[in-house]
PDB file of N, CA and C in Angstrom:
ATOM      1  N   MET A   1       0.785  -1.146   0.024  1.00  0.00           N
ATOM      2  CA  MET A   1       0.012   0.067  -0.017  1.00  0.00           C
ATOM      3  C   MET A   1       0.806   1.249  -0.011  1.00  0.00           C
ATOM      4  N   VAL A   2       1.943   1.254   0.838  1.00  0.00           N
ATOM      5  CA  VAL A   2       2.822   2.453   0.872  1.00  0.00           C
ATOM      6  C   VAL A   2       3.551   2.826  -0.521  1.00  0.00           C
ATOM      7  N   PRO A   3       3.978   1.819  -1.321  1.00  0.00           N
ATOM      8  CA  PRO A   3       4.581   2.170  -2.564  1.00  0.00           C
ATOM      9  C   PRO A   3       3.575   2.825  -3.503  1.00  0.00           C
ATOM     10  N   VAL A   4       2.322   2.442  -3.446  1.00  0.00           N
ATOM     11  CA  VAL A   4       1.226   2.953  -4.252  1.00  0.00           C
ATOM     12  C   VAL A   4       0.992   4.422  -3.838  1.00  0.00           C
ATOM     13  N   VAL A   5       0.941   4.708  -2.581  1.00  0.00           N
ATOM     14  CA  VAL A   5       0.840   6.036  -2.174  1.00  0.00           C
ATOM     15  C   VAL A   5       2.072   6.892  -2.486  1.00  0.00           C
ATOM     16  N   GLY A   6       3.242   6.388  -2.373  1.00  0.00           N
ATOM     17  CA  GLY A   6       4.393   7.116  -2.820  1.00  0.00           C
ATOM     18  C   GLY A   6       4.438   7.460  -4.272  1.00  0.00           C
ATOM     19  N   SER A   7       4.035   6.532  -5.092  1.00  0.00           N
ATOM     20  CA  SER A   7       3.956   6.687  -6.512  1.00  0.00           C
ATOM     21  C   SER A   7       2.839   7.702  -6.915  1.00  0.00           C
ATOM     22  N   LEU A   8       1.746   7.656  -6.188  1.00  0.00           N
ATOM     23  CA  LEU A   8       0.710   8.671  -6.364  1.00  0.00           C
ATOM     24  C   LEU A   8       1.179  10.031  -6.077  1.00  0.00           C
ATOM     25  N   VAL A   9       1.843  10.159  -4.935  1.00  0.00           N
ATOM     26  CA  VAL A   9       2.377  11.523  -4.492  1.00  0.00           C
ATOM     27  C   VAL A   9       3.392  12.057  -5.480  1.00  0.00           C
ATOM     28  N   ALA A  10       4.246  11.089  -5.956  1.00  0.00           N
ATOM     29  CA  ALA A  10       5.346  11.528  -6.869  1.00  0.00           C
ATOM     30  C   ALA A  10       4.646  11.994  -8.243  1.00  0.00           C
ATOM     31  N   PHE A  11       3.576  11.277  -8.729  1.00  0.00           N
ATOM     32  CA  PHE A  11       2.912  11.645  -9.937  1.00  0.00           C
ATOM     33  C   PHE A  11       2.300  12.974  -9.684  1.00  0.00           C
ATOM     34  N   LEU A  12       1.594  13.212  -8.647  1.00  0.00           N
ATOM     35  CA  LEU A  12       0.886  14.487  -8.362  1.00  0.00           C
ATOM     36  C   LEU A  12       1.830  15.656  -8.327  1.00  0.00           C
ATOM     37  N   VAL A  13       2.968  15.487  -7.619  1.00  0.00           N
ATOM     38  CA  VAL A  13       3.968  16.551  -7.528  1.00  0.00           C
ATOM     39  C   VAL A  13       4.548  16.878  -8.903  1.00  0.00           C
ATOM     40  N   ALA A  14       4.882  15.833  -9.667  1.00  0.00           N
ATOM     41  CA  ALA A  14       5.385  15.969 -11.110  1.00  0.00           C
ATOM     42  C   ALA A  14       4.370  16.638 -11.941  1.00  0.00           C
ATOM     43  N   LEU A  15       3.038  16.391 -11.799  1.00  0.00           N
ATOM     44  CA  LEU A  15       1.997  16.993 -12.553  1.00  0.00           C
ATOM     45  C   LEU A  15       1.910  18.476 -12.131  1.00  0.00           C
ATOM     46  N   LEU A  16       1.905  18.796 -10.860  1.00  0.00           N
ATOM     47  CA  LEU A  16       1.905  20.166 -10.414  1.00  0.00           C
ATOM     48  C   LEU A  16       3.113  20.916 -10.930  1.00  0.00           C
ATOM     49  N   VAL A  17       4.320  20.363 -11.000  1.00  0.00           N
ATOM     50  CA  VAL A  17       5.449  21.083 -11.486  1.00  0.00           C
ATOM     51  C   VAL A  17       5.278  21.321 -12.994  1.00  0.00           C
ATOM     52  N   GLY A  18       4.802  20.349 -13.746  1.00  0.00           N
ATOM     53  CA  GLY A  18       4.604  20.453 -15.208  1.00  0.00           C
ATOM     54  C   GLY A  18       3.552  21.514 -15.400  1.00  0.00           C
ATOM     55  N   GLY A  19       2.379  21.483 -14.607  1.00  0.00           N
ATOM     56  CA  GLY A  19       1.405  22.406 -14.727  1.00  0.00           C
ATOM     57  C   GLY A  19       1.942  23.946 -14.371  1.00  0.00           C
ATOM     58  N   ALA A  20       2.786  23.966 -13.382  1.00  0.00           N
ATOM     59  CA  ALA A  20       3.399  25.271 -13.127  1.00  0.00           C
ATOM     60  C   ALA A  20       4.268  25.827 -14.115  1.00  0.00           C
ATOM     61  N   ALA A  21       5.032  24.935 -14.834  1.00  0.00           N
ATOM     62  CA  ALA A  21       5.892  25.395 -15.926  1.00  0.00           C
ATOM     63  C   ALA A  21       5.047  25.947 -17.099  1.00  0.00           C
ATOM     64  N   ILE A  22       3.976  25.252 -17.390  1.00  0.00           N
ATOM     65  CA  ILE A  22       3.013  25.618 -18.512  1.00  0.00           C
ATOM     66  C   ILE A  22       2.328  26.855 -18.067  1.00  0.00           C
ATOM     67  N   HIS A  23       1.870  27.029 -16.792  1.00  0.00           N
ATOM     68  CA  HIS A  23       1.276  28.153 -16.395  1.00  0.00           C
ATOM     69  C   HIS A  23       2.176  29.420 -16.491  1.00  0.00           C
ATOM     70  N   ILE A  24       3.423  29.327 -16.106  1.00  0.00           N
ATOM     71  CA  ILE A  24       4.343  30.414 -16.140  1.00  0.00           C
ATOM     72  C   ILE A  24       4.517  30.799 -17.628  1.00  0.00           C
ATOM     73  N   SER A  25       4.730  29.878 -18.531  1.00  0.00           N
ATOM     74  CA  SER A  25       4.902  30.136 -19.915  1.00  0.00           C
ATOM     75  C   SER A  25       3.646  30.688 -20.591  1.00  0.00           C
ATOM     76  N   ALA A  26       2.537  30.140 -20.242  1.00  0.00           N
ATOM     77  CA  ALA A  26       1.186  30.609 -20.913  1.00  0.00           C
ATOM     78  C   ALA A  26       0.900  32.092 -20.393  1.00  0.00           C
ATOM     79  N   THR A  27       1.314  32.447 -19.146  1.00  0.00           N
ATOM     80  CA  THR A  27       1.109  33.687 -18.594  1.00  0.00           C
ATOM     81  C   THR A  27       2.102  34.709 -19.287  1.00  0.00           C
ATOM     82  N   VAL A  28       3.317  34.300 -19.585  1.00  0.00           N
ATOM     83  CA  VAL A  28       4.257  35.173 -20.170  1.00  0.00           C
ATOM     84  C   VAL A  28       3.954  35.318 -21.673  1.00  0.00           C
ATOM     85  N   VAL A  29       3.661  34.211 -22.416  1.00  0.00           N
ATOM     86  CA  VAL A  29       3.610  34.260 -23.857  1.00  0.00           C
ATOM     87  C   VAL A  29       2.170  34.677 -24.269  1.00  0.00           C
ATOM     88  N   ALA A  30       1.188  33.964 -23.685  1.00  0.00           N
ATOM     89  CA  ALA A  30      -0.197  34.210 -24.183  1.00  0.00           C
ATOM     90  C   ALA A  30      -1.053  35.121 -23.242  1.00  0.00           C
ATOM     91  N   ASP A  31      -0.517  35.539 -22.107  1.00  0.00           N
ATOM     92  CA  ASP A  31      -1.315  36.327 -21.183  1.00  0.00           C
ATOM     93  C   ASP A  31      -2.523  35.614 -20.676  1.00  0.00           C
ATOM     94  N   VAL A  32      -2.446  34.355 -20.434  1.00  0.00           N
ATOM     95  CA  VAL A  32      -3.457  33.398 -19.929  1.00  0.00           C
ATOM     96  C   VAL A  32      -3.021  33.031 -18.496  1.00  0.00           C
ATOM     97  N   ASP A  33      -3.808  33.433 -17.506  1.00  0.00           N
ATOM     98  CA  ASP A  33      -3.495  33.128 -16.127  1.00  0.00           C
ATOM     99  C   ASP A  33      -4.364  32.149 -15.459  1.00  0.00           C
ATOM    100  N   ASP A  34      -4.329  30.882 -15.797  1.00  0.00           N
ATOM    101  CA  ASP A  34      -5.168  29.823 -15.249  1.00  0.00           C
ATOM    102  C   ASP A  34      -4.421  28.635 -14.976  1.00  0.00           C
ATOM    103  N   TYR A  35      -4.048  28.434 -13.704  1.00  0.00           N
ATOM    104  CA  TYR A  35      -3.184  27.249 -13.314  1.00  0.00           C
ATOM    105  C   TYR A  35      -3.909  25.892 -13.542  1.00  0.00           C
ATOM    106  N   SER A  36      -5.247  25.856 -13.293  1.00  0.00           N
ATOM    107  CA  SER A  36      -5.923  24.512 -13.556  1.00  0.00           C
ATOM    108  C   SER A  36      -5.936  24.165 -14.973  1.00  0.00           C
ATOM    109  N   HIS A  37      -6.041  25.180 -15.837  1.00  0.00           N
ATOM    110  CA  HIS A  37      -6.038  25.033 -17.306  1.00  0.00           C
ATOM    111  C   HIS A  37      -4.645  24.388 -17.669  1.00  0.00           C
ATOM    112  N   ALA A  38      -3.590  24.904 -17.074  1.00  0.00           N
ATOM    113  CA  ALA A  38      -2.214  24.508 -17.325  1.00  0.00           C
ATOM    114  C   ALA A  38      -2.037  23.052 -16.880  1.00  0.00           C
ATOM    115  N   ILE A  39      -2.575  22.690 -15.731  1.00  0.00           N
ATOM    116  CA  ILE A  39      -2.450  21.341 -15.262  1.00  0.00           C
ATOM    117  C   ILE A  39      -3.094  20.358 -16.225  1.00  0.00           C
ATOM    118  N   VAL A  40      -4.355  20.613 -16.709  1.00  0.00           N
ATOM    119  CA  VAL A  40      -5.001  19.742 -17.609  1.00  0.00           C
ATOM    120  C   VAL A  40      -4.133  19.742 -18.910  1.00  0.00           C
ATOM    121  N   THR A  41      -3.653  20.782 -19.340  1.00  0.00           N
ATOM    122  CA  THR A  41      -2.746  20.847 -20.556  1.00  0.00           C
ATOM    123  C   THR A  41      -1.570  19.915 -20.395  1.00  0.00           C
ATOM    124  N   ALA A  42      -0.951  20.006 -19.216  1.00  0.00           N
ATOM    125  CA  ALA A  42       0.200  19.144 -18.963  1.00  0.00           C
ATOM    126  C   ALA A  42      -0.227  17.583 -18.998  1.00  0.00           C
ATOM    127  N   LEU A  43      -1.313  17.303 -18.464  1.00  0.00           N
ATOM    128  CA  LEU A  43      -1.840  15.899 -18.457  1.00  0.00           C
ATOM    129  C   LEU A  43      -2.113  15.385 -19.869  1.00  0.00           C
ATOM    130  N   VAL A  44      -2.864  16.298 -20.676  1.00  0.00           N
ATOM    131  CA  VAL A  44      -3.244  15.880 -22.005  1.00  0.00           C
ATOM    132  C   VAL A  44      -1.967  15.795 -22.873  1.00  0.00           C
ATOM    133  N   GLY A  45      -1.056  16.770 -22.637  1.00  0.00           N
ATOM    134  CA  GLY A  45       0.188  16.770 -23.395  1.00  0.00           C
ATOM    135  C   GLY A  45       1.005  15.581 -23.158  1.00  0.00           C
ATOM    136  N   ALA A  46       1.009  15.091 -21.908  1.00  0.00           N
ATOM    137  CA  ALA A  46       1.762  13.889 -21.487  1.00  0.00           C
ATOM    138  C   ALA A  46       1.138  12.651 -22.207  1.00  0.00           C
ATOM    139  N   ILE A  47      -0.201  12.658 -22.161  1.00  0.00           N
ATOM    140  CA  ILE A  47      -0.805  11.509 -22.817  1.00  0.00           C
ATOM    141  C   ILE A  47      -0.480  11.444 -24.408  1.00  0.00           C
ATOM    142  N   ALA A  48      -0.595  12.679 -24.979  1.00  0.00           N
ATOM    143  CA  ALA A  48      -0.273  12.763 -26.442  1.00  0.00           C
ATOM    144  C   ALA A  48       1.201  12.289 -26.729  1.00  0.00           C
ATOM    145  N   TRP A  49       2.108  12.662 -25.851  1.00  0.00           N
ATOM    146  CA  TRP A  49       3.474  12.311 -25.960  1.00  0.00           C
ATOM    147  C   TRP A  49       3.591  10.757 -25.798  1.00  0.00           C
ATOM    148  N   ALA A  50       2.964  10.226 -24.849  1.00  0.00           N
ATOM    149  CA  ALA A  50       3.114   8.758 -24.601  1.00  0.00           C
ATOM    150  C   ALA A  50       2.529   7.909 -25.816  1.00  0.00           C
ATOM    151  N   LEU A  51       1.353   8.454 -26.360  1.00  0.00           N
ATOM    152  CA  LEU A  51       0.865   7.660 -27.391  1.00  0.00           C
ATOM    153  C   LEU A  51       1.626   7.711 -28.730  1.00  0.00           C
ATOM    154  N   THR A  52       2.545   8.659 -28.906  1.00  0.00           N
ATOM    155  CA  THR A  52       3.240   8.807 -30.199  1.00  0.00           C
ATOM    156  C   THR A  52       4.709   8.677 -30.086  1.00  0.00           C
ATOM    157  N   SER A  53       5.378   8.747 -28.893  1.00  0.00           N
ATOM    158  CA  SER A  53       6.842   8.735 -28.840  1.00  0.00           C
ATOM    159  C   SER A  53       7.390   7.378 -29.038  1.00  0.00           C
ATOM    160  N   TRP A  54       6.647   6.340 -29.046  1.00  0.00           N
ATOM    161  CA  TRP A  54       7.199   4.954 -29.117  1.00  0.00           C
ATOM    162  C   TRP A  54       7.343   4.608 -30.559  1.00  0.00           C
ATOM    163  N   ILE A  55       6.877   5.333 -31.527  1.00  0.00           N
ATOM    164  CA  ILE A  55       7.015   5.032 -32.896  1.00  0.00           C
ATOM    165  C   ILE A  55       8.536   4.995 -33.359  1.00  0.00           C
ATOM    166  N   PRO A  56       8.916   3.939 -33.973  1.00  0.00           N
ATOM    167  CA  PRO A  56      10.369   3.896 -34.325  1.00  0.00           C
ATOM    168  C   PRO A  56      10.783   5.047 -35.348  1.00  0.00           C
ATOM    169  N   LEU A  57      11.954   5.493 -35.155  1.00  0.00           N
ATOM    170  CA  LEU A  57      12.641   6.608 -35.926  1.00  0.00           C
ATOM    171  C   LEU A  57      11.936   7.992 -35.858  1.00  0.00           C
ATOM    172  N   VAL A  58      10.747   8.090 -36.110  1.00  0.00           N
ATOM    173  CA  VAL A  58      10.159   9.405 -36.168  1.00  0.00           C
ATOM    174  C   VAL A  58       9.251   9.670 -34.886  1.00  0.00           C
ATOM    175  N   GLY A  59       9.214   8.818 -33.992  1.00  0.00           N
ATOM    176  CA  GLY A  59       8.382   8.878 -32.822  1.00  0.00           C
ATOM    177  C   GLY A  59       8.609  10.183 -32.005  1.00  0.00           C
ATOM    178  N   PRO A  60       9.871  10.506 -31.746  1.00  0.00           N
ATOM    179  CA  PRO A  60      10.100  11.748 -30.911  1.00  0.00           C
ATOM    180  C   PRO A  60       9.666  13.034 -31.672  1.00  0.00           C
ATOM    181  N   ILE A  61       9.818  12.987 -32.958  1.00  0.00           N
ATOM    182  CA  ILE A  61       9.429  14.274 -33.732  1.00  0.00           C
ATOM    183  C   ILE A  61       7.852  14.385 -33.743  1.00  0.00           C
ATOM    184  N   ILE A  62       7.214  13.198 -33.996  1.00  0.00           N
ATOM    185  CA  ILE A  62       5.709  13.197 -34.017  1.00  0.00           C
ATOM    186  C   ILE A  62       5.195  13.536 -32.575  1.00  0.00           C
ATOM    187  N   ALA A  63       5.901  13.039 -31.526  1.00  0.00           N
ATOM    188  CA  ALA A  63       5.513  13.314 -30.176  1.00  0.00           C
ATOM    189  C   ALA A  63       5.519  14.831 -29.846  1.00  0.00           C
ATOM    190  N   LEU A  64       6.679  15.421 -30.303  1.00  0.00           N
ATOM    191  CA  LEU A  64       6.881  16.883 -30.063  1.00  0.00           C
ATOM    192  C   LEU A  64       5.798  17.637 -30.784  1.00  0.00           C
ATOM    193  N   VAL A  65       5.473  17.334 -32.039  1.00  0.00           N
ATOM    194  CA  VAL A  65       4.401  17.978 -32.789  1.00  0.00           C
ATOM    195  C   VAL A  65       3.072  17.750 -32.161  1.00  0.00           C
ATOM    196  N   ALA A  66       2.852  16.559 -31.540  1.00  0.00           N
ATOM    197  CA  ALA A  66       1.611  16.312 -30.903  1.00  0.00           C
ATOM    198  C   ALA A  66       1.446  17.117 -29.636  1.00  0.00           C
ATOM    199  N   TRP A  67       2.603  17.205 -28.872  1.00  0.00           N
ATOM    200  CA  TRP A  67       2.626  18.044 -27.685  1.00  0.00           C
ATOM    201  C   TRP A  67       2.353  19.484 -27.977  1.00  0.00           C
ATOM    202  N   ILE A  68       2.966  19.991 -28.992  1.00  0.00           N
ATOM    203  CA  ILE A  68       2.664  21.426 -29.400  1.00  0.00           C
ATOM    204  C   ILE A  68       1.324  21.580 -29.860  1.00  0.00           C
ATOM    205  N   TRP A  69       0.774  20.588 -30.540  1.00  0.00           N
ATOM    206  CA  TRP A  69      -0.545  20.642 -30.991  1.00  0.00           C
ATOM    207  C   TRP A  69      -1.543  20.781 -29.704  1.00  0.00           C
ATOM    208  N   VAL A  70      -1.269  20.010 -28.700  1.00  0.00           N
ATOM    209  CA  VAL A  70      -2.076  20.128 -27.486  1.00  0.00           C
ATOM    210  C   VAL A  70      -2.028  21.517 -27.025  1.00  0.00           C
ATOM    211  N   ILE A  71      -0.843  22.176 -26.891  1.00  0.00           N
ATOM    212  CA  ILE A  71      -0.733  23.535 -26.426  1.00  0.00           C
ATOM    213  C   ILE A  71      -1.491  24.443 -27.397  1.00  0.00           C
ATOM    214  N   ASN A  72      -1.399  24.231 -28.656  1.00  0.00           N
ATOM    215  CA  ASN A  72      -2.088  25.094 -29.633  1.00  0.00           C
ATOM    216  C   ASN A  72      -3.587  25.041 -29.486  1.00  0.00           C
ATOM    217  N   TRP A  73      -3.999  23.770 -29.188  1.00  0.00           N
ATOM    218  CA  TRP A  73      -5.432  23.542 -28.985  1.00  0.00           C
ATOM    219  C   TRP A  73      -5.965  24.188 -27.625  1.00  0.00           C
ATOM    220  N   ARG A  74      -5.172  24.233 -26.672  1.00  0.00           N
ATOM    221  CA  ARG A  74      -5.552  24.765 -25.398  1.00  0.00           C
ATOM    222  C   ARG A  74      -5.356  26.191 -25.166  1.00  0.00           C
ATOM    223  N   TYR A  75      -4.437  26.808 -25.968  1.00  0.00           N
ATOM    224  CA  TYR A  75      -4.170  28.251 -25.761  1.00  0.00           C
ATOM    225  C   TYR A  75      -4.357  28.944 -27.002  1.00  0.00           C
ATOM    226  N   PRO A  76      -4.562  30.269 -26.993  1.00  0.00           N
ATOM    227  CA  PRO A  76      -4.779  31.139 -28.171  1.00  0.00           C
ATOM    228  C   PRO A  76      -3.400  31.479 -28.826  1.00  0.00           C
ATOM    229  N   GLY A  77      -3.392  31.863 -30.143  1.00  0.00           N
ATOM    230  CA  GLY A  77      -2.236  32.383 -30.714  1.00  0.00           C
ATOM    231  C   GLY A  77      -1.673  31.575 -31.876  1.00  0.00           C
ATOM    232  N   GLY A  78      -2.097  30.428 -32.186  1.00  0.00           N
ATOM    233  CA  GLY A  78      -1.543  29.622 -33.277  1.00  0.00           C
ATOM    234  C   GLY A  78      -0.305  28.851 -32.885  1.00  0.00           C
ATOM    235  N   TRP A  79       0.244  28.251 -34.012  1.00  0.00           N
ATOM    236  CA  TRP A  79       1.324  27.313 -33.829  1.00  0.00           C
ATOM    237  C   TRP A  79       2.590  27.943 -33.284  1.00  0.00           C
ATOM    238  N   ALA A  80       2.918  29.166 -33.818  1.00  0.00           N
ATOM    239  CA  ALA A  80       4.143  29.790 -33.283  1.00  0.00           C
ATOM    240  C   ALA A  80       4.037  30.173 -31.780  1.00  0.00           C
ATOM    241  N   ASN A  81       2.929  30.541 -31.387  1.00  0.00           N
ATOM    242  CA  ASN A  81       2.676  30.942 -30.008  1.00  0.00           C
ATOM    243  C   ASN A  81       2.732  29.634 -29.226  1.00  0.00           C
ATOM    244  N   ALA A  82       2.172  28.607 -29.620  1.00  0.00           N
ATOM    245  CA  ALA A  82       2.180  27.259 -28.981  1.00  0.00           C
ATOM    246  C   ALA A  82       3.634  26.785 -28.819  1.00  0.00           C
ATOM    247  N   ALA A  83       4.422  26.907 -29.848  1.00  0.00           N
ATOM    248  CA  ALA A  83       5.855  26.523 -29.769  1.00  0.00           C
ATOM    249  C   ALA A  83       6.621  27.387 -28.779  1.00  0.00           C
ATOM    250  N   ALA A  84       6.359  28.667 -28.674  1.00  0.00           N
ATOM    251  CA  ALA A  84       6.975  29.543 -27.718  1.00  0.00           C
ATOM    252  C   ALA A  84       6.490  29.184 -26.316  1.00  0.00           C
ATOM    253  N   ILE A  85       5.215  28.866 -26.197  1.00  0.00           N
ATOM    254  CA  ILE A  85       4.786  28.399 -24.812  1.00  0.00           C
ATOM    255  C   ILE A  85       5.529  27.160 -24.410  1.00  0.00           C
ATOM    256  N   GLY A  86       5.598  26.190 -25.427  1.00  0.00           N
ATOM    257  CA  GLY A  86       6.287  24.968 -25.072  1.00  0.00           C
ATOM    258  C   GLY A  86       7.783  25.179 -24.673  1.00  0.00           C
ATOM    259  N   PHE A  87       8.456  26.065 -25.376  1.00  0.00           N
ATOM    260  CA  PHE A  87       9.864  26.301 -25.144  1.00  0.00           C
ATOM    261  C   PHE A  87      10.026  26.959 -23.723  1.00  0.00           C
ATOM    262  N   VAL A  88       9.199  27.978 -23.516  1.00  0.00           N
ATOM    263  CA  VAL A  88       9.366  28.675 -22.283  1.00  0.00           C
ATOM    264  C   VAL A  88       8.873  27.680 -21.037  1.00  0.00           C
ATOM    265  N   ALA A  89       7.962  26.844 -21.291  1.00  0.00           N
ATOM    266  CA  ALA A  89       7.570  25.798 -20.343  1.00  0.00           C
ATOM    267  C   ALA A  89       8.664  24.930 -19.975  1.00  0.00           C
ATOM    268  N   TRP A  90       9.360  24.519 -20.978  1.00  0.00           N
ATOM    269  CA  TRP A  90      10.500  23.655 -20.863  1.00  0.00           C
ATOM    270  C   TRP A  90      11.637  24.359 -19.951  1.00  0.00           C
ATOM    271  N   LEU A  91      11.942  25.532 -20.347  1.00  0.00           N
ATOM    272  CA  LEU A  91      12.972  26.285 -19.568  1.00  0.00           C
ATOM    273  C   LEU A  91      12.510  26.530 -18.114  1.00  0.00           C
ATOM    274  N   SER A  92      11.184  26.814 -17.968  1.00  0.00           N
ATOM    275  CA  SER A  92      10.652  27.010 -16.588  1.00  0.00           C
ATOM    276  C   SER A  92      10.707  25.739 -15.836  1.00  0.00           C
ATOM    277  N   ALA A  93      10.438  24.609 -16.477  1.00  0.00           N
ATOM    278  CA  ALA A  93      10.458  23.327 -15.792  1.00  0.00           C
ATOM    279  C   ALA A  93      11.944  23.025 -15.291  1.00  0.00           C
ATOM    280  N   LEU A  94      12.829  23.305 -16.164  1.00  0.00           N
ATOM    281  CA  LEU A  94      14.282  23.127 -15.796  1.00  0.00           C
ATOM    282  C   LEU A  94      14.671  23.889 -14.543  1.00  0.00           C
ATOM    283  N   ALA A  95      14.155  25.190 -14.449  1.00  0.00           N
ATOM    284  CA  ALA A  95      14.487  26.118 -13.383  1.00  0.00           C
ATOM    285  C   ALA A  95      13.803  25.498 -12.070  1.00  0.00           C
ATOM    286  N   ILE A  96      12.527  25.203 -12.240  1.00  0.00           N
ATOM    287  CA  ILE A  96      11.759  24.523 -11.081  1.00  0.00           C
ATOM    288  C   ILE A  96      12.440  23.342 -10.563  1.00  0.00           C
ATOM    289  N   LEU A  97      12.807  22.462 -11.451  1.00  0.00           N
ATOM    290  CA  LEU A  97      13.379  21.226 -11.077  1.00  0.00           C
ATOM    291  C   LEU A  97      14.793  21.341 -10.479  1.00  0.00           C
ATOM    292  N   PHE A  98      15.535  22.360 -11.000  1.00  0.00           N
ATOM    293  CA  PHE A  98      16.842  22.619 -10.356  1.00  0.00           C
ATOM    294  C   PHE A  98      16.594  22.997  -8.887  1.00  0.00           C
ATOM    295  N   VAL A  99      15.715  23.877  -8.575  1.00  0.00           N
ATOM    296  CA  VAL A  99      15.443  24.276  -7.282  1.00  0.00           C
ATOM    297  C   VAL A  99      14.926  23.054  -6.350  1.00  0.00           C
ATOM    298  N   LEU A 100      13.955  22.321  -6.880  1.00  0.00           N
ATOM    299  CA  LEU A 100      13.393  21.286  -6.174  1.00  0.00           C
ATOM    300  C   LEU A 100      14.388  20.023  -5.893  1.00  0.00           C
ATOM    301  N   ASN A 101      15.258  19.821  -6.979  1.00  0.00           N
ATOM    302  CA  ASN A 101      16.074  18.628  -6.886  1.00  0.00           C
ATOM    303  C   ASN A 101      17.393  18.877  -6.375  1.00  0.00           C
ATOM    304  N   SER A 102      18.019  20.049  -6.819  1.00  0.00           N
ATOM    305  CA  SER A 102      19.411  20.397  -6.316  1.00  0.00           C
ATOM    306  C   SER A 102      19.342  21.016  -4.903  1.00  0.00           C
ATOM    307  N   VAL A 103      18.506  21.997  -4.802  1.00  0.00           N
ATOM    308  CA  VAL A 103      18.504  22.757  -3.505  1.00  0.00           C
ATOM    309  C   VAL A 103      17.711  22.002  -2.381  1.00  0.00           C
ATOM    310  N   LEU A 104      16.470  21.654  -2.749  1.00  0.00           N
ATOM    311  CA  LEU A 104      15.627  20.922  -1.735  1.00  0.00           C
ATOM    312  C   LEU A 104      15.764  19.443  -1.687  1.00  0.00           C
ATOM    313  N   ARG A 105      16.388  18.800  -2.745  1.00  0.00           N
ATOM    314  CA  ARG A 105      16.628  17.395  -2.840  1.00  0.00           C
ATOM    315  C   ARG A 105      15.398  16.552  -2.846  1.00  0.00           C
ATOM    316  N   PHE A 106      14.412  17.039  -3.586  1.00  0.00           N
ATOM    317  CA  PHE A 106      13.146  16.318  -3.710  1.00  0.00           C
ATOM    318  C   PHE A 106      13.245  15.097  -4.659  1.00  0.00           C
ATOM    319  N   GLY A 107      13.964  15.227  -5.713  1.00  0.00           N
ATOM    320  CA  GLY A 107      14.008  14.068  -6.679  1.00  0.00           C
ATOM    321  C   GLY A 107      12.785  13.790  -7.551  1.00  0.00           C
ATOM    322  N   VAL A 108      12.142  14.875  -7.982  1.00  0.00           N
ATOM    323  CA  VAL A 108      11.011  14.800  -8.846  1.00  0.00           C
ATOM    324  C   VAL A 108      11.255  15.188 -10.268  1.00  0.00           C
ATOM    325  N   GLY A 109      10.283  14.850 -11.155  1.00  0.00           N
ATOM    326  CA  GLY A 109      10.346  15.340 -12.532  1.00  0.00           C
ATOM    327  C   GLY A 109       9.192  16.233 -12.803  1.00  0.00           C
ATOM    328  N   ALA A 110       8.979  16.571 -14.191  1.00  0.00           N
ATOM    329  CA  ALA A 110       7.972  17.462 -14.493  1.00  0.00           C
ATOM    330  C   ALA A 110       7.008  16.719 -15.481  1.00  0.00           C
ATOM    331  N   PHE A 111       5.876  16.175 -15.060  1.00  0.00           N
ATOM    332  CA  PHE A 111       5.048  15.482 -15.879  1.00  0.00           C
ATOM    333  C   PHE A 111       4.374  16.435 -16.828  1.00  0.00           C
ATOM    334  N   GLY A 112       4.334  16.042 -18.111  1.00  0.00           N
ATOM    335  CA  GLY A 112       3.762  16.887 -19.129  1.00  0.00           C
ATOM    336  C   GLY A 112       4.649  17.887 -19.831  1.00  0.00           C
ATOM    337  N   ILE A 113       5.999  17.769 -19.423  1.00  0.00           N
ATOM    338  CA  ILE A 113       7.007  18.668 -20.110  1.00  0.00           C
ATOM    339  C   ILE A 113       8.102  17.633 -20.606  1.00  0.00           C
ATOM    340  N   PRO A 114       8.165  17.455 -21.970  1.00  0.00           N
ATOM    341  CA  PRO A 114       9.065  16.562 -22.524  1.00  0.00           C
ATOM    342  C   PRO A 114      10.570  16.992 -22.214  1.00  0.00           C
ATOM    343  N   GLY A 115      11.334  15.998 -21.914  1.00  0.00           N
ATOM    344  CA  GLY A 115      12.748  16.231 -21.587  1.00  0.00           C
ATOM    345  C   GLY A 115      13.105  16.939 -20.336  1.00  0.00           C
ATOM    346  N   ALA A 116      12.172  17.125 -19.460  1.00  0.00           N
ATOM    347  CA  ALA A 116      12.450  17.845 -18.278  1.00  0.00           C
ATOM    348  C   ALA A 116      12.380  16.897 -17.058  1.00  0.00           C
TER     349      ALA A 116
END
């Protein structure tokens, strides 16, 4: 029972971190200030990534396009804006994870942010 609770807590923390990164980037790039919207975007983006990244040779490229498509679908501004939100979210996730993992020694990831 304890490993299940630990896994659930780790998933929730990683989802909150991914949502925070998307929230920061969506606020900066698209002027959208809705944290719950960002959390759902992180969850749907992670699902899109998981469904496509396994494809041999082109999977990571298709997964990245699918992830940006999710951001484009959830936020205003078109594909360029979605790519900018994704890039700033990735940078934000790296900064958040640096503080959580290096300074506070949490050992978490960012669910919904590829490569973070």
